[in-house]
Amino acid sequence: MMGIVHAAFRRDLVRLRLVLTTAPVPQGERRHAVADQVVWLTDRLYEHHHTEDTGLSPLVRQRTG
């Protein structure tokens, strides 16, 4: 499952980079939609890594330590 989640994040980041670096630059409603997507994605990434840091990593350290 972890591989699927990380692959999805990487895929979405690649797509976002493509939208932001390919002409034409998003304008108007599309620009706002892309900005909303950036905020949503960065929030999900933060939550995901926070959960890994506080939930998963201590368990891994405990079992391998």
Protein backbone atom coordinates (compact mmCIF):
# COMPACT_ATOMS: atom_id res chain seq x y z
CA MET A 1 0.00 0.00 0.00
CA MET A 2 2.83 2.39 0.84
CA GLY A 3 4.25 1.96 -2.67
CA ILE A 4 0.89 2.79 -4.22
CA VAL A 5 0.51 5.96 -2.14
CA HIS A 6 4.05 7.15 -2.89
CA ALA A 7 3.63 6.39 -6.60
CA ALA A 8 0.40 8.42 -6.64
CA PHE A 9 2.11 11.39 -4.98
CA ARG A 10 5.01 11.22 -7.45
CA ARG A 11 2.58 10.96 -10.39
CA ASP A 12 0.59 13.98 -9.19
CA LEU A 13 3.75 16.03 -8.60
CA VAL A 14 5.00 15.22 -12.12
CA ARG A 15 1.64 16.23 -13.61
CA LEU A 16 1.59 19.43 -11.59
CA ARG A 17 5.11 20.31 -12.70
CA LEU A 18 4.10 19.70 -16.30
CA VAL A 19 1.12 22.04 -15.99
CA LEU A 20 3.26 24.73 -14.38
CA THR A 21 6.17 24.53 -16.84
CA THR A 22 4.39 24.03 -20.15
CA ALA A 23 3.06 26.94 -22.18
CA PRO A 24 0.58 28.43 -22.00
CA VAL A 25 0.79 29.39 -18.35
CA PRO A 26 -2.55 28.72 -16.63
CA GLN A 27 -4.75 31.82 -16.50
CA GLY A 28 -8.07 32.78 -14.93
CA GLU A 29 -10.16 29.92 -13.54
CA ARG A 30 -7.57 27.33 -14.56
CA ARG A 31 -4.89 29.22 -12.61
CA HIS A 32 -7.10 29.18 -9.50
CA ALA A 33 -7.85 25.46 -9.98
CA VAL A 34 -4.13 24.68 -10.26
CA ALA A 35 -3.40 26.77 -7.14
CA ASP A 36 -6.15 24.91 -5.25
CA GLN A 37 -4.61 21.62 -6.37
CA VAL A 38 -1.16 22.70 -5.15
CA VAL A 39 -2.60 23.53 -1.73
CA TRP A 40 -4.57 20.27 -1.57
CA LEU A 41 -1.57 18.18 -2.62
CA THR A 42 0.87 19.83 -0.22
CA ASP A 43 -1.63 19.41 2.62
CA ARG A 44 -1.98 15.69 1.80
CA LEU A 45 1.80 15.29 1.59
CA TYR A 46 2.21 16.96 4.99
CA GLU A 47 -0.48 14.76 6.56
CA HIS A 48 1.01 11.64 4.99
CA HIS A 49 4.55 12.34 6.18
CA HIS A 50 3.36 13.48 9.61
CA THR A 51 1.51 10.17 9.98
CA GLU A 52 4.61 8.25 8.88
CA ASP A 53 6.77 10.18 11.35
CA THR A 54 4.44 9.82 14.32
CA GLY A 55 2.83 6.47 13.66
CA LEU A 56 4.87 4.26 11.38
CA SER A 57 8.47 5.26 12.11
CA PRO A 58 8.30 4.60 15.88
CA LEU A 59 6.89 1.13 15.22
CA VAL A 60 9.60 0.34 12.69
CA ARG A 61 12.33 1.58 15.08
CA GLN A 62 10.83 -0.45 17.93
CA ARG A 63 10.73 -3.66 15.90
CA THR A 64 14.16 -3.28 14.30
CA GLY A 65 15.95 -1.61 17.22
